[in-house]
Amino acid sequence: MIDQYCPSSLVGNIKADTKNDDCLIRPYLGRRKWGQHESRLRVFSLRNYPLHINQIGELGLDPFAYSKVMAQALAFMHWLAKVDANDVEFVLAPAEDAPQFRSQALGNHNMWILDFDCCRRISMDRSGTEQAAKAFLKNDPFYPHPSRGEEEEDRMLWQHFKAAFLEASLIIIRQATPEVPEDLPQLLIDTIESTARPHATI
């Protein structure tokens, strides 16, 4: 990643900085990065690096694998924890044991969820799904987005995320929270799709 995205004038110093041994990547499945290949920033760090969907492909990583884990985590937060997942962050970090993902670019790594302080409880009804949809659309672009249509991969990724979310949601509801109406996950997806608008790509 340093060789590919770090400004060439900083590569030596960045590789020598032991702080970058603790790699923390923010996977942005809902945003593409346009413009020059190297970062315009004069500061570069692997400790909180935003990795956009096209960069994920350039590094040979699997966005569909990340999408599935995000979808399952979101289903867990909504129907088991019963929170709106407002402002949570997904990060990729090195894994020593039982890694979820393996790649040449990032090595063995896992996905973690951070920052639950802005999460709020949701009711298990239409009002709750509207609250959850609002949180989904205002969050950083971790999730695939239904209005992203720049590339076929974006459309496929949203469909993949949606299917994984609905599947995980029904499993959770039927096995752990049978009091939750089974139509709520689909209602949430419908609300997200009907209210989504194209967002500016950075």
N, C-alpha and C. Protein backbone atom coordinates (compact mmCIF):
# COMPACT_ATOMS: atom_id res chain seq x y z
N MET A 1 0.82 -1.21 0.00
CA MET A 1 0.00 0.00 0.00
C MET A 1 0.85 1.26 0.00
N ILE A 2 1.95 1.22 0.74
CA ILE A 2 2.83 2.39 0.77
C ILE A 2 3.39 2.66 -0.61
N ASP A 3 3.88 1.62 -1.28
CA ASP A 3 4.44 1.80 -2.62
C ASP A 3 3.40 2.31 -3.61
N GLN A 4 2.15 1.91 -3.43
CA GLN A 4 1.12 2.22 -4.40
C GLN A 4 0.46 3.58 -4.17
N TYR A 5 0.29 3.97 -2.92
CA TYR A 5 -0.52 5.16 -2.64
C TYR A 5 0.20 6.29 -1.90
N CYS A 6 1.33 6.02 -1.35
CA CYS A 6 2.06 7.06 -0.62
C CYS A 6 2.81 7.96 -1.59
N PRO A 7 2.81 9.29 -1.38
CA PRO A 7 3.64 10.17 -2.20
C PRO A 7 5.09 9.67 -2.21
N SER A 8 5.68 9.62 -3.40
CA SER A 8 7.01 9.01 -3.55
C SER A 8 8.06 9.67 -2.65
N SER A 9 7.90 10.97 -2.40
CA SER A 9 8.88 11.67 -1.57
C SER A 9 8.84 11.24 -0.10
N LEU A 10 7.74 10.55 0.30
CA LEU A 10 7.58 10.16 1.70
C LEU A 10 7.80 8.68 1.94
N VAL A 11 7.96 7.89 0.88
CA VAL A 11 7.98 6.43 1.01
C VAL A 11 9.02 5.95 2.01
N GLY A 12 10.24 6.45 1.90
CA GLY A 12 11.31 6.00 2.79
C GLY A 12 10.99 6.23 4.25
N ASN A 13 10.55 7.44 4.56
CA ASN A 13 10.24 7.77 5.95
C ASN A 13 9.06 6.97 6.48
N ILE A 14 8.06 6.76 5.63
CA ILE A 14 6.87 6.03 6.07
C ILE A 14 7.21 4.57 6.35
N LYS A 15 8.02 3.98 5.50
CA LYS A 15 8.40 2.58 5.73
C LYS A 15 9.26 2.43 6.98
N ALA A 16 10.02 3.45 7.31
CA ALA A 16 10.89 3.38 8.49
C ALA A 16 10.15 3.69 9.79
N ASP A 17 8.97 4.25 9.68
CA ASP A 17 8.20 4.64 10.86
C ASP A 17 7.51 3.42 11.45
N THR A 18 7.89 3.01 12.65
CA THR A 18 7.31 1.81 13.26
C THR A 18 5.83 1.98 13.61
N LYS A 19 5.34 3.22 13.64
CA LYS A 19 3.91 3.42 13.90
C LYS A 19 3.06 2.76 12.82
N ASN A 20 3.61 2.65 11.61
CA ASN A 20 2.84 2.06 10.52
C ASN A 20 2.82 0.54 10.56
N ASP A 21 3.49 -0.03 11.57
CA ASP A 21 3.36 -1.48 11.78
C ASP A 21 1.96 -1.83 12.25
N ASP A 22 1.29 -0.86 12.88
CA ASP A 22 -0.09 -1.06 13.35
C ASP A 22 -1.05 -0.51 12.29
N CYS A 23 -1.34 -1.34 11.33
CA CYS A 23 -2.14 -0.92 10.18
C CYS A 23 -3.63 -0.95 10.53
N LEU A 24 -4.34 0.14 10.22
CA LEU A 24 -5.78 0.23 10.45
C LEU A 24 -6.41 0.87 9.21
N ILE A 25 -7.19 0.08 8.48
CA ILE A 25 -7.74 0.51 7.19
C ILE A 25 -9.25 0.70 7.29
N ARG A 26 -9.74 1.80 6.74
CA ARG A 26 -11.18 2.06 6.69
C ARG A 26 -11.69 1.66 5.30
N PRO A 27 -12.38 0.54 5.16
CA PRO A 27 -12.83 0.08 3.84
C PRO A 27 -14.09 0.81 3.39
N TYR A 28 -13.96 1.66 2.40
CA TYR A 28 -15.09 2.43 1.87
C TYR A 28 -15.68 1.71 0.66
N LEU A 29 -16.64 0.84 0.91
CA LEU A 29 -17.29 0.11 -0.19
C LEU A 29 -18.30 0.98 -0.93
N GLY A 30 -18.62 2.13 -0.39
CA GLY A 30 -19.63 3.00 -1.00
C GLY A 30 -19.07 4.23 -1.67
N ARG A 31 -17.76 4.27 -1.91
CA ARG A 31 -17.18 5.46 -2.54
C ARG A 31 -15.98 5.07 -3.39
N ARG A 32 -15.88 5.72 -4.55
CA ARG A 32 -14.72 5.55 -5.42
C ARG A 32 -13.81 6.77 -5.29
N LYS A 33 -12.54 6.54 -5.47
CA LYS A 33 -11.57 7.63 -5.41
C LYS A 33 -11.16 7.98 -6.83
N TRP A 34 -11.37 9.22 -7.21
CA TRP A 34 -11.03 9.69 -8.54
C TRP A 34 -9.80 10.59 -8.46
N GLY A 35 -9.17 10.81 -9.57
CA GLY A 35 -8.03 11.72 -9.59
C GLY A 35 -6.73 10.97 -9.56
N GLN A 36 -5.69 11.65 -9.07
CA GLN A 36 -4.36 11.08 -9.13
C GLN A 36 -4.25 9.84 -8.27
N HIS A 37 -3.29 9.01 -8.64
CA HIS A 37 -3.10 7.73 -7.98
C HIS A 37 -2.55 7.92 -6.58
N GLU A 38 -1.53 8.76 -6.44
CA GLU A 38 -0.95 9.00 -5.14
C GLU A 38 -1.80 9.97 -4.34
N SER A 39 -1.71 9.85 -3.03
CA SER A 39 -2.40 10.79 -2.16
C SER A 39 -1.85 12.19 -2.34
N ARG A 40 -2.75 13.20 -2.30
CA ARG A 40 -2.32 14.59 -2.36
C ARG A 40 -1.79 15.08 -1.01
N LEU A 41 -2.07 14.32 0.05
CA LEU A 41 -1.66 14.73 1.38
C LEU A 41 -0.15 14.63 1.54
N ARG A 42 0.39 15.57 2.28
CA ARG A 42 1.83 15.51 2.59
C ARG A 42 2.08 14.68 3.85
N VAL A 43 1.02 14.19 4.43
CA VAL A 43 1.12 13.29 5.58
C VAL A 43 0.46 11.99 5.17
N PHE A 44 1.12 10.88 5.45
CA PHE A 44 0.59 9.58 5.06
C PHE A 44 0.77 8.62 6.24
N SER A 45 -0.27 7.86 6.56
CA SER A 45 -0.19 6.90 7.65
C SER A 45 -1.09 5.72 7.34
N LEU A 46 -0.66 4.55 7.77
CA LEU A 46 -1.48 3.35 7.63
C LEU A 46 -2.36 3.12 8.86
N ARG A 47 -2.34 4.03 9.80
CA ARG A 47 -3.06 3.81 11.05
C ARG A 47 -4.52 4.21 10.97
N ASN A 48 -4.93 4.91 9.93
CA ASN A 48 -6.34 5.26 9.76
C ASN A 48 -6.58 5.60 8.29
N TYR A 49 -6.22 4.68 7.42
CA TYR A 49 -6.20 4.98 5.99
C TYR A 49 -7.54 4.63 5.32
N PRO A 50 -8.17 5.59 4.64
CA PRO A 50 -9.42 5.31 3.92
C PRO A 50 -9.13 4.62 2.58
N LEU A 51 -9.62 3.41 2.43
CA LEU A 51 -9.37 2.64 1.21
C LEU A 51 -10.68 2.53 0.43
N HIS A 52 -10.73 3.19 -0.73
CA HIS A 52 -11.95 3.26 -1.52
C HIS A 52 -12.16 1.99 -2.34
N ILE A 53 -13.37 1.82 -2.85
CA ILE A 53 -13.74 0.57 -3.50
C ILE A 53 -12.85 0.25 -4.70
N ASN A 54 -12.48 1.24 -5.49
CA ASN A 54 -11.60 0.95 -6.63
C ASN A 54 -10.19 0.60 -6.17
N GLN A 55 -9.75 1.19 -5.06
CA GLN A 55 -8.44 0.83 -4.52
C GLN A 55 -8.44 -0.59 -3.96
N ILE A 56 -9.56 -0.98 -3.38
CA ILE A 56 -9.70 -2.35 -2.89
C ILE A 56 -9.49 -3.33 -4.04
N GLY A 57 -10.06 -3.02 -5.20
CA GLY A 57 -9.86 -3.87 -6.37
C GLY A 57 -8.43 -3.85 -6.86
N GLU A 58 -7.82 -2.67 -6.86
CA GLU A 58 -6.42 -2.55 -7.31
C GLU A 58 -5.47 -3.40 -6.48
N LEU A 59 -5.80 -3.57 -5.21
CA LEU A 59 -4.93 -4.33 -4.31
C LEU A 59 -5.26 -5.83 -4.31
N GLY A 60 -6.22 -6.22 -5.13
CA GLY A 60 -6.58 -7.62 -5.20
C GLY A 60 -7.38 -8.13 -4.01
N LEU A 61 -8.02 -7.21 -3.29
CA LEU A 61 -8.86 -7.58 -2.15
C LEU A 61 -10.27 -7.89 -2.64
N ASP A 62 -11.04 -8.57 -1.81
CA ASP A 62 -12.38 -9.02 -2.21
C ASP A 62 -13.45 -8.15 -1.55
N PRO A 63 -14.03 -7.20 -2.26
CA PRO A 63 -15.04 -6.34 -1.65
C PRO A 63 -16.31 -7.09 -1.28
N PHE A 64 -16.60 -8.19 -1.99
CA PHE A 64 -17.81 -8.95 -1.70
C PHE A 64 -17.69 -9.68 -0.36
N ALA A 65 -16.49 -10.12 -0.02
CA ALA A 65 -16.28 -10.74 1.29
C ALA A 65 -16.46 -9.71 2.40
N TYR A 66 -15.93 -8.50 2.20
CA TYR A 66 -16.12 -7.44 3.18
C TYR A 66 -17.60 -7.05 3.29
N SER A 67 -18.26 -6.99 2.15
CA SER A 67 -19.67 -6.61 2.11
C SER A 67 -20.52 -7.58 2.92
N LYS A 68 -20.24 -8.86 2.79
CA LYS A 68 -21.02 -9.87 3.52
C LYS A 68 -20.86 -9.71 5.02
N VAL A 69 -19.63 -9.50 5.47
CA VAL A 69 -19.40 -9.33 6.91
C VAL A 69 -20.08 -8.07 7.42
N MET A 70 -20.01 -6.98 6.66
CA MET A 70 -20.69 -5.75 7.06
C MET A 70 -22.20 -5.97 7.16
N ALA A 71 -22.76 -6.67 6.19
CA ALA A 71 -24.20 -6.92 6.18
C ALA A 71 -24.62 -7.75 7.39
N GLN A 72 -23.85 -8.76 7.69
CA GLN A 72 -24.16 -9.61 8.85
C GLN A 72 -24.05 -8.82 10.15
N ALA A 73 -23.03 -7.97 10.24
CA ALA A 73 -22.85 -7.16 11.44
C ALA A 73 -24.00 -6.16 11.60
N LEU A 74 -24.43 -5.58 10.50
CA LEU A 74 -25.54 -4.61 10.57
C LEU A 74 -26.83 -5.30 10.99
N ALA A 75 -27.06 -6.50 10.48
CA ALA A 75 -28.25 -7.26 10.89
C ALA A 75 -28.21 -7.56 12.38
N PHE A 76 -27.05 -7.93 12.88
CA PHE A 76 -26.88 -8.20 14.31
C PHE A 76 -27.20 -6.95 15.12
N MET A 77 -26.66 -5.80 14.70
CA MET A 77 -26.88 -4.57 15.46
C MET A 77 -28.35 -4.16 15.47
N HIS A 78 -29.04 -4.34 14.34
CA HIS A 78 -30.43 -3.90 14.26
C HIS A 78 -31.39 -4.83 15.01
N TRP A 79 -31.28 -6.13 14.77
CA TRP A 79 -32.33 -7.04 15.23
C TRP A 79 -32.00 -7.77 16.53
N LEU A 80 -30.74 -7.81 16.92
CA LEU A 80 -30.38 -8.43 18.19
C LEU A 80 -30.03 -7.36 19.23
N ALA A 81 -29.09 -6.47 18.89
CA ALA A 81 -28.77 -5.36 19.80
C ALA A 81 -29.85 -4.29 19.77
N LYS A 82 -30.58 -4.20 18.66
CA LYS A 82 -31.69 -3.26 18.49
C LYS A 82 -31.24 -1.81 18.62
N VAL A 83 -30.15 -1.50 17.91
CA VAL A 83 -29.66 -0.13 17.83
C VAL A 83 -29.58 0.28 16.37
N ASP A 84 -29.48 1.60 16.13
CA ASP A 84 -29.52 2.12 14.76
C ASP A 84 -28.17 2.07 14.05
N ALA A 85 -27.09 1.70 14.76
CA ALA A 85 -25.74 1.63 14.17
C ALA A 85 -25.26 2.99 13.68
N ASN A 86 -25.76 4.05 14.27
CA ASN A 86 -25.39 5.39 13.86
C ASN A 86 -23.92 5.67 14.10
N ASP A 87 -23.22 6.07 13.05
CA ASP A 87 -21.84 6.54 13.12
C ASP A 87 -20.83 5.46 13.54
N VAL A 88 -21.19 4.18 13.42
CA VAL A 88 -20.19 3.15 13.69
C VAL A 88 -19.17 3.14 12.56
N GLU A 89 -18.00 2.62 12.85
CA GLU A 89 -16.93 2.55 11.86
C GLU A 89 -16.44 1.12 11.71
N PHE A 90 -16.20 0.74 10.47
CA PHE A 90 -15.62 -0.57 10.17
C PHE A 90 -14.15 -0.37 9.82
N VAL A 91 -13.31 -1.20 10.38
CA VAL A 91 -11.88 -1.11 10.08
C VAL A 91 -11.31 -2.50 9.85
N LEU A 92 -10.27 -2.54 9.03
CA LEU A 92 -9.51 -3.76 8.79
C LEU A 92 -8.20 -3.64 9.55
N ALA A 93 -7.85 -4.68 10.29
CA ALA A 93 -6.62 -4.66 11.08
C ALA A 93 -5.98 -6.04 11.05
N PRO A 94 -4.67 -6.10 11.26
CA PRO A 94 -3.96 -7.39 11.22
C PRO A 94 -4.54 -8.39 12.22
N ALA A 95 -4.52 -9.66 11.84
CA ALA A 95 -5.01 -10.73 12.70
C ALA A 95 -3.91 -11.76 12.90
N GLU A 96 -3.68 -12.12 14.14
CA GLU A 96 -2.69 -13.15 14.43
C GLU A 96 -3.30 -14.54 14.43
N ASP A 97 -4.51 -14.65 14.95
CA ASP A 97 -5.19 -15.94 15.04
C ASP A 97 -6.54 -15.88 14.34
N ALA A 98 -6.92 -16.98 13.71
CA ALA A 98 -8.23 -17.14 13.06
C ALA A 98 -8.63 -15.93 12.22
N PRO A 99 -7.86 -15.58 11.21
CA PRO A 99 -8.21 -14.41 10.38
C PRO A 99 -9.46 -14.66 9.55
N GLN A 100 -10.24 -13.61 9.39
CA GLN A 100 -11.41 -13.67 8.50
C GLN A 100 -10.99 -13.60 7.04
N PHE A 101 -9.92 -12.85 6.77
CA PHE A 101 -9.51 -12.60 5.39
C PHE A 101 -8.00 -12.82 5.25
N ARG A 102 -7.60 -13.22 4.06
CA ARG A 102 -6.18 -13.39 3.74
C ARG A 102 -5.93 -12.73 2.39
N SER A 103 -4.84 -11.97 2.29
CA SER A 103 -4.49 -11.35 1.02
C SER A 103 -3.00 -11.08 0.98
N GLN A 104 -2.47 -10.92 -0.21
CA GLN A 104 -1.06 -10.60 -0.35
C GLN A 104 -0.80 -9.15 0.10
N ALA A 105 -1.76 -8.26 -0.20
CA ALA A 105 -1.55 -6.85 0.10
C ALA A 105 -1.62 -6.54 1.59
N LEU A 106 -2.58 -7.13 2.30
CA LEU A 106 -2.78 -6.82 3.71
C LEU A 106 -2.42 -7.98 4.64
N GLY A 107 -2.09 -9.13 4.08
CA GLY A 107 -1.80 -10.28 4.92
C GLY A 107 -3.08 -10.80 5.58
N ASN A 108 -2.94 -11.50 6.68
CA ASN A 108 -4.09 -11.98 7.44
C ASN A 108 -4.71 -10.81 8.20
N HIS A 109 -6.03 -10.64 8.05
CA HIS A 109 -6.66 -9.51 8.72
C HIS A 109 -8.11 -9.80 9.05
N ASN A 110 -8.63 -9.03 9.97
CA ASN A 110 -10.02 -9.12 10.40
C ASN A 110 -10.71 -7.78 10.24
N MET A 111 -12.04 -7.82 10.27
CA MET A 111 -12.84 -6.60 10.28
C MET A 111 -13.36 -6.38 11.69
N TRP A 112 -13.22 -5.15 12.15
CA TRP A 112 -13.69 -4.76 13.47
C TRP A 112 -14.68 -3.60 13.33
N ILE A 113 -15.52 -3.44 14.35
CA ILE A 113 -16.47 -2.32 14.40
C ILE A 113 -16.11 -1.47 15.61
N LEU A 114 -16.04 -0.15 15.38
CA LEU A 114 -15.65 0.79 16.43
C LEU A 114 -16.72 1.88 16.60
N ASP A 115 -16.61 2.60 17.68
CA ASP A 115 -17.37 3.84 17.91
C ASP A 115 -18.88 3.62 17.98
N PHE A 116 -19.31 3.05 19.06
CA PHE A 116 -20.74 2.83 19.28
C PHE A 116 -21.40 3.95 20.08
N ASP A 117 -20.65 5.00 20.38
CA ASP A 117 -21.17 6.02 21.31
C ASP A 117 -22.35 6.81 20.77
N CYS A 118 -22.50 6.85 19.45
CA CYS A 118 -23.64 7.59 18.87
C CYS A 118 -24.83 6.70 18.55
N CYS A 119 -24.72 5.41 18.83
CA CYS A 119 -25.83 4.49 18.56
C CYS A 119 -27.00 4.76 19.50
N ARG A 120 -28.19 4.62 18.98
CA ARG A 120 -29.40 4.79 19.77
C ARG A 120 -30.33 3.60 19.56
N ARG A 121 -31.13 3.32 20.56
CA ARG A 121 -32.08 2.22 20.45
C ARG A 121 -33.11 2.51 19.36
N ILE A 122 -33.57 1.46 18.71
CA ILE A 122 -34.63 1.61 17.72
C ILE A 122 -35.82 0.74 18.12
N SER A 123 -37.01 1.22 17.78
CA SER A 123 -38.22 0.45 18.01
C SER A 123 -38.38 -0.55 16.87
N MET A 124 -39.00 -1.66 17.17
CA MET A 124 -39.16 -2.71 16.16
C MET A 124 -40.45 -2.49 15.37
N ASP A 125 -40.47 -1.36 14.63
CA ASP A 125 -41.61 -0.99 13.81
C ASP A 125 -41.13 -0.06 12.70
N ARG A 126 -42.04 0.51 11.95
CA ARG A 126 -41.68 1.38 10.82
C ARG A 126 -40.84 2.57 11.27
N SER A 127 -41.17 3.14 12.41
CA SER A 127 -40.39 4.27 12.91
C SER A 127 -38.93 3.87 13.15
N GLY A 128 -38.74 2.68 13.67
CA GLY A 128 -37.38 2.20 13.91
C GLY A 128 -36.60 1.99 12.63
N THR A 129 -37.26 1.47 11.60
CA THR A 129 -36.57 1.27 10.32
C THR A 129 -36.22 2.60 9.67
N GLU A 130 -37.07 3.61 9.85
CA GLU A 130 -36.75 4.93 9.31
C GLU A 130 -35.54 5.53 10.01
N GLN A 131 -35.45 5.33 11.32
CA GLN A 131 -34.29 5.80 12.08
C GLN A 131 -33.02 5.08 11.63
N ALA A 132 -33.13 3.77 11.42
CA ALA A 132 -31.98 2.97 10.99
C ALA A 132 -31.56 3.35 9.56
N ALA A 133 -32.52 3.62 8.70
CA ALA A 133 -32.21 4.01 7.32
C ALA A 133 -31.48 5.35 7.30
N LYS A 134 -31.93 6.27 8.13
CA LYS A 134 -31.27 7.58 8.20
C LYS A 134 -29.83 7.42 8.67
N ALA A 135 -29.60 6.58 9.66
CA ALA A 135 -28.24 6.34 10.16
C ALA A 135 -27.38 5.70 9.07
N PHE A 136 -27.95 4.78 8.33
CA PHE A 136 -27.22 4.11 7.25
C PHE A 136 -26.75 5.12 6.20
N LEU A 137 -27.62 6.00 5.80
CA LEU A 137 -27.32 6.92 4.71
C LEU A 137 -26.41 8.08 5.12
N LYS A 138 -26.38 8.42 6.40
CA LYS A 138 -25.55 9.54 6.83
C LYS A 138 -24.17 9.08 7.31
N ASN A 139 -23.97 7.78 7.43
CA ASN A 139 -22.70 7.28 7.91
C ASN A 139 -21.61 7.48 6.86
N ASP A 140 -20.36 7.36 7.29
CA ASP A 140 -19.26 7.33 6.32
C ASP A 140 -19.52 6.21 5.33
N PRO A 141 -18.93 6.30 4.13
CA PRO A 141 -19.32 5.36 3.04
C PRO A 141 -18.72 3.96 3.18
N PHE A 142 -18.89 3.35 4.35
CA PHE A 142 -18.41 1.98 4.53
C PHE A 142 -19.27 1.00 3.73
N TYR A 143 -20.58 1.17 3.79
CA TYR A 143 -21.48 0.22 3.14
C TYR A 143 -21.55 0.47 1.63
N PRO A 144 -21.82 -0.58 0.86
CA PRO A 144 -22.23 -0.34 -0.54
C PRO A 144 -23.46 0.57 -0.55
N HIS A 145 -23.63 1.32 -1.63
CA HIS A 145 -24.70 2.31 -1.66
C HIS A 145 -25.63 2.04 -2.83
N PRO A 146 -26.96 2.10 -2.59
CA PRO A 146 -27.90 1.76 -3.68
C PRO A 146 -27.92 2.74 -4.84
N SER A 147 -27.44 3.97 -4.63
CA SER A 147 -27.48 4.94 -5.72
C SER A 147 -26.16 5.05 -6.46
N ARG A 148 -25.17 4.26 -6.08
CA ARG A 148 -23.90 4.27 -6.80
C ARG A 148 -24.05 3.46 -8.07
N GLY A 149 -23.91 4.12 -9.21
CA GLY A 149 -24.08 3.39 -10.46
C GLY A 149 -22.96 3.63 -11.44
N GLU A 150 -21.81 4.15 -10.94
CA GLU A 150 -20.72 4.46 -11.85
C GLU A 150 -20.17 3.23 -12.54
N GLU A 151 -20.17 2.12 -11.83
CA GLU A 151 -19.61 0.89 -12.36
C GLU A 151 -20.56 -0.26 -12.09
N GLU A 152 -20.48 -1.28 -12.94
CA GLU A 152 -21.31 -2.47 -12.74
C GLU A 152 -21.01 -3.11 -11.38
N GLU A 153 -19.74 -3.06 -10.97
CA GLU A 153 -19.37 -3.64 -9.68
C GLU A 153 -20.12 -2.98 -8.54
N ASP A 154 -20.36 -1.67 -8.63
CA ASP A 154 -21.10 -0.98 -7.57
C ASP A 154 -22.51 -1.51 -7.45
N ARG A 155 -23.16 -1.72 -8.59
CA ARG A 155 -24.53 -2.24 -8.58
C ARG A 155 -24.56 -3.67 -8.05
N MET A 156 -23.60 -4.48 -8.48
CA MET A 156 -23.53 -5.86 -8.01
C MET A 156 -23.25 -5.92 -6.51
N LEU A 157 -22.41 -5.02 -6.05
CA LEU A 157 -22.04 -5.02 -4.64
C LEU A 157 -23.24 -4.66 -3.76
N TRP A 158 -24.05 -3.70 -4.20
CA TRP A 158 -25.25 -3.36 -3.44
C TRP A 158 -26.20 -4.56 -3.39
N GLN A 159 -26.41 -5.21 -4.50
CA GLN A 159 -27.30 -6.37 -4.52
C GLN A 159 -26.77 -7.48 -3.61
N HIS A 160 -25.47 -7.67 -3.63
CA HIS A 160 -24.85 -8.68 -2.77
C HIS A 160 -25.02 -8.32 -1.29
N PHE A 161 -24.78 -7.07 -0.96
CA PHE A 161 -24.95 -6.61 0.41
C PHE A 161 -26.40 -6.79 0.86
N LYS A 162 -27.33 -6.39 0.02
CA LYS A 162 -28.75 -6.49 0.36
C LYS A 162 -29.16 -7.93 0.62
N ALA A 163 -28.74 -8.84 -0.26
CA ALA A 163 -29.10 -10.25 -0.09
C ALA A 163 -28.50 -10.82 1.19
N ALA A 164 -27.24 -10.47 1.48
CA ALA A 164 -26.59 -10.97 2.69
C ALA A 164 -27.26 -10.41 3.94
N PHE A 165 -27.66 -9.14 3.88
CA PHE A 165 -28.33 -8.52 5.03
C PHE A 165 -29.68 -9.18 5.29
N LEU A 166 -30.46 -9.38 4.25
CA LEU A 166 -31.78 -9.98 4.42
C LEU A 166 -31.67 -11.42 4.92
N GLU A 167 -30.71 -12.17 4.40
CA GLU A 167 -30.52 -13.55 4.84
C GLU A 167 -30.12 -13.60 6.32
N ALA A 168 -29.12 -12.78 6.69
CA ALA A 168 -28.68 -12.76 8.08
C ALA A 168 -29.78 -12.28 9.02
N SER A 169 -30.56 -11.31 8.56
CA SER A 169 -31.64 -10.76 9.39
C SER A 169 -32.67 -11.83 9.73
N LEU A 170 -33.09 -12.60 8.74
CA LEU A 170 -34.10 -13.63 8.99
C LEU A 170 -33.56 -14.72 9.91
N ILE A 171 -32.31 -15.08 9.76
CA ILE A 171 -31.71 -16.08 10.65
C ILE A 171 -31.72 -15.59 12.09
N ILE A 172 -31.31 -14.33 12.29
CA ILE A 172 -31.27 -13.76 13.65
C ILE A 172 -32.67 -13.69 14.24
N ILE A 173 -33.63 -13.19 13.47
CA ILE A 173 -35.00 -13.04 13.97
C ILE A 173 -35.61 -14.39 14.32
N ARG A 174 -35.45 -15.36 13.43
CA ARG A 174 -36.08 -16.66 13.65
C ARG A 174 -35.42 -17.45 14.78
N GLN A 175 -34.12 -17.25 14.99
CA GLN A 175 -33.41 -18.04 15.99
C GLN A 175 -33.26 -17.33 17.33
N ALA A 176 -33.27 -16.00 17.33
CA ALA A 176 -32.95 -15.29 18.57
C ALA A 176 -33.98 -14.25 19.00
N THR A 177 -34.65 -13.61 18.05
CA THR A 177 -35.59 -12.54 18.42
C THR A 177 -36.91 -12.72 17.66
N PRO A 178 -37.64 -13.78 17.96
CA PRO A 178 -38.88 -14.05 17.21
C PRO A 178 -39.95 -12.99 17.39
N GLU A 179 -39.80 -12.12 18.40
CA GLU A 179 -40.77 -11.05 18.60
C GLU A 179 -40.64 -9.94 17.55
N VAL A 180 -39.54 -9.92 16.81
CA VAL A 180 -39.32 -8.90 15.78
C VAL A 180 -40.07 -9.31 14.51
N PRO A 181 -40.92 -8.43 13.97
CA PRO A 181 -41.63 -8.76 12.74
C PRO A 181 -40.67 -9.08 11.59
N GLU A 182 -40.93 -10.16 10.88
CA GLU A 182 -40.02 -10.61 9.84
C GLU A 182 -40.01 -9.71 8.61
N ASP A 183 -40.97 -8.81 8.51
CA ASP A 183 -40.99 -7.92 7.35
C ASP A 183 -40.13 -6.67 7.54
N LEU A 184 -39.61 -6.45 8.76
CA LEU A 184 -38.84 -5.23 9.02
C LEU A 184 -37.54 -5.14 8.23
N PRO A 185 -36.77 -6.22 8.07
CA PRO A 185 -35.54 -6.08 7.27
C PRO A 185 -35.81 -5.62 5.83
N GLN A 186 -36.82 -6.18 5.20
CA GLN A 186 -37.15 -5.76 3.84
C GLN A 186 -37.66 -4.32 3.83
N LEU A 187 -38.43 -3.96 4.85
CA LEU A 187 -38.91 -2.58 4.95
C LEU A 187 -37.75 -1.62 5.09
N LEU A 188 -36.74 -1.99 5.86
CA LEU A 188 -35.56 -1.14 6.02
C LEU A 188 -34.83 -0.97 4.69
N ILE A 189 -34.63 -2.06 3.97
CA ILE A 189 -33.96 -1.98 2.67
C ILE A 189 -34.76 -1.12 1.71
N ASP A 190 -36.07 -1.30 1.68
CA ASP A 190 -36.93 -0.49 0.80
C ASP A 190 -36.82 0.99 1.15
N THR A 191 -36.76 1.31 2.44
CA THR A 191 -36.64 2.70 2.87
C THR A 191 -35.31 3.29 2.45
N ILE A 192 -34.24 2.52 2.61
CA ILE A 192 -32.91 2.99 2.18
C ILE A 192 -32.91 3.26 0.68
N GLU A 193 -33.43 2.34 -0.09
CA GLU A 193 -33.41 2.49 -1.55
C GLU A 193 -34.29 3.64 -2.02
N SER A 194 -35.43 3.83 -1.37
CA SER A 194 -36.36 4.88 -1.82
C SER A 194 -35.89 6.28 -1.43
N THR A 195 -35.10 6.39 -0.37
CA THR A 195 -34.65 7.72 0.08
C THR A 195 -33.23 8.05 -0.37
N ALA A 196 -32.50 7.07 -0.88
CA ALA A 196 -31.11 7.31 -1.27
C ALA A 196 -31.07 8.27 -2.46
N ARG A 197 -30.11 9.14 -2.42
CA ARG A 197 -29.85 10.07 -3.52
C ARG A 197 -28.39 9.97 -3.88
N PRO A 198 -28.03 10.25 -5.14
CA PRO A 198 -26.60 10.22 -5.49
C PRO A 198 -25.81 11.18 -4.63
N HIS A 199 -24.66 10.73 -4.14
CA HIS A 199 -23.77 11.56 -3.36
C HIS A 199 -22.54 11.92 -4.17
N ALA A 200 -21.99 13.06 -3.89
CA ALA A 200 -20.78 13.49 -4.58
C ALA A 200 -19.65 12.52 -4.31
N THR A 201 -18.90 12.19 -5.33
CA THR A 201 -17.76 11.29 -5.18
C THR A 201 -16.49 12.10 -5.03
N ILE A 202 -15.72 11.75 -4.01
CA ILE A 202 -14.49 12.49 -3.73
C ILE A 202 -13.30 11.73 -4.24
